[in-house]
Amino acid sequence: MIFKCNTGRTIGKKIWIGEIILLVHTSFHYEAVITARGTSFHVIAGKYQNGNYLCVPNMDFGCELSDFSDIFWNTERIRQHLCNPVDVESLVCGIKALCSYDKVN
């Protein structure tokens, strides 16, 4: 699945393309590889009793998320673990696209 990423700003806005390779999809979680601008994230994202979560084993972090489509909140959460703003935006946009998998397929 191909998805669009962007910086979210109106002035100097930059757009790039990312790709998702879905590995596992159940009613409780997704496991996928999200790739954009030369960085790959092996992600496990899903629901648990207190809400949604994200685990990125190859980057050695995990965190709680809001709704997968909540760009603002999820950006703030992921920014605590990744220094590169392009990687943060790529991952947040990829997760948002990943949650639309059920609506597309």
Protein backbone atom coordinates (compact mmCIF):
# COMPACT_ATOMS: atom_id res chain seq x y z
CA MET A 1 0.00 0.00 0.00
CA ILE A 2 1.31 3.45 -0.94
CA PHE A 3 0.57 6.50 1.24
CA LYS A 4 1.40 10.23 1.30
CA CYS A 5 3.40 11.94 4.03
CA ASN A 6 3.67 15.66 4.62
CA THR A 7 5.14 18.15 7.04
CA GLY A 8 1.68 19.47 7.90
CA ARG A 9 2.70 23.10 7.43
CA THR A 10 1.11 25.30 4.80
CA ILE A 11 4.21 27.42 4.14
CA GLY A 12 7.11 25.33 2.90
CA LYS A 13 4.96 22.21 2.94
CA LYS A 14 6.78 19.11 1.75
CA ILE A 15 5.11 15.93 0.53
CA TRP A 16 6.68 12.52 0.03
CA ILE A 17 5.53 8.96 -0.59
CA GLY A 18 5.78 6.00 1.76
CA GLU A 19 4.99 2.32 1.46
CA ILE A 20 3.40 -0.19 3.82
CA ILE A 21 3.97 -3.91 3.57
CA LEU A 22 1.35 -5.59 5.73
CA LEU A 23 2.68 -8.71 7.43
CA VAL A 24 -0.09 -9.61 9.89
CA HIS A 25 -3.59 -8.24 10.40
CA THR A 26 -5.96 -9.46 13.10
CA SER A 27 -8.93 -7.83 14.79
CA PHE A 28 -6.56 -6.68 17.57
CA HIS A 29 -3.34 -5.63 15.85
CA TYR A 30 -1.33 -4.92 12.72
CA GLU A 31 2.23 -5.91 12.03
CA ALA A 32 3.80 -4.15 9.08
CA VAL A 33 6.90 -2.58 7.60
CA ILE A 34 6.49 1.14 6.95
CA THR A 35 9.13 2.66 4.66
CA ALA A 36 9.57 6.29 3.67
CA ARG A 37 12.54 8.43 2.62
CA GLY A 38 15.08 5.69 3.22
CA THR A 39 13.95 4.61 6.69
CA SER A 40 12.09 1.38 7.47
CA PHE A 41 10.07 0.80 10.60
CA HIS A 42 8.91 -2.67 11.60
CA VAL A 43 5.76 -1.77 13.53
CA ILE A 44 3.28 -3.60 15.68
CA ALA A 45 0.23 -1.45 16.37
CA GLY A 46 -3.05 -2.35 17.91
CA LYS A 47 -5.63 -2.07 20.64
CA TYR A 48 -5.38 -3.08 24.26
CA GLN A 49 -7.54 -2.50 27.31
CA ASN A 50 -6.46 1.13 27.79
CA GLY A 51 -6.50 2.21 24.14
CA ASN A 52 -4.07 1.94 21.23
CA TYR A 53 -0.35 1.22 21.21
CA LEU A 54 2.65 1.26 18.91
CA CYS A 55 5.75 -0.87 19.21
CA VAL A 56 8.75 -0.36 16.92
CA PRO A 57 11.22 -3.11 17.87
CA ASN A 58 13.92 -2.13 15.35
CA MET A 59 13.98 1.39 16.86
CA ASP A 60 13.74 0.08 20.44
CA PHE A 61 10.60 1.93 21.53
CA GLY A 62 6.93 1.57 22.23
CA CYS A 63 4.21 3.99 23.33
CA GLU A 64 0.51 4.53 23.72
CA LEU A 65 -1.35 6.22 20.89
CA SER A 66 -4.64 8.00 20.48
CA ASP A 67 -6.89 6.97 17.61
CA PHE A 68 -4.62 5.88 14.76
CA SER A 69 -5.88 8.80 12.66
CA ASP A 70 -5.07 11.44 15.34
CA ILE A 71 -2.03 13.04 13.70
CA PHE A 72 -1.44 15.71 16.36
CA TRP A 73 -1.49 13.49 19.44
CA ASN A 74 0.42 10.62 17.83
CA THR A 75 3.08 13.00 16.53
CA GLU A 76 3.66 14.29 20.05
CA ARG A 77 3.94 10.75 21.44
CA ILE A 78 6.31 9.46 18.74
CA ARG A 79 8.43 12.64 18.81
CA GLN A 80 9.51 11.64 22.34
CA HIS A 81 11.28 8.59 20.83
CA LEU A 82 12.55 9.72 17.42
CA CYS A 83 14.78 12.73 16.77
CA ASN A 84 14.33 13.07 13.01
CA PRO A 85 11.10 15.04 12.25
CA VAL A 86 10.84 13.41 8.80
CA ASP A 87 10.86 9.96 10.42
CA VAL A 88 8.21 11.08 12.91
CA GLU A 89 5.92 12.37 10.15
CA SER A 90 6.53 9.28 8.02
CA LEU A 91 5.62 6.96 10.87
CA VAL A 92 2.54 8.93 11.93
CA CYS A 93 1.23 9.11 8.35
CA GLY A 94 2.01 5.43 7.85
CA ILE A 95 0.05 4.45 10.96
CA LYS A 96 -2.89 6.55 9.82
CA ALA A 97 -2.80 4.83 6.43
CA LEU A 98 -2.41 1.43 8.07
CA CYS A 99 -5.63 1.86 10.04
CA SER A 100 -7.48 2.51 6.79
CA TYR A 101 -6.53 -0.98 5.58
CA ASP A 102 -9.88 -2.40 6.74
CA LYS A 103 -11.74 0.30 4.81
CA VAL A 104 -9.82 -0.42 1.60
CA ASN A 105 -9.56 -4.22 1.70
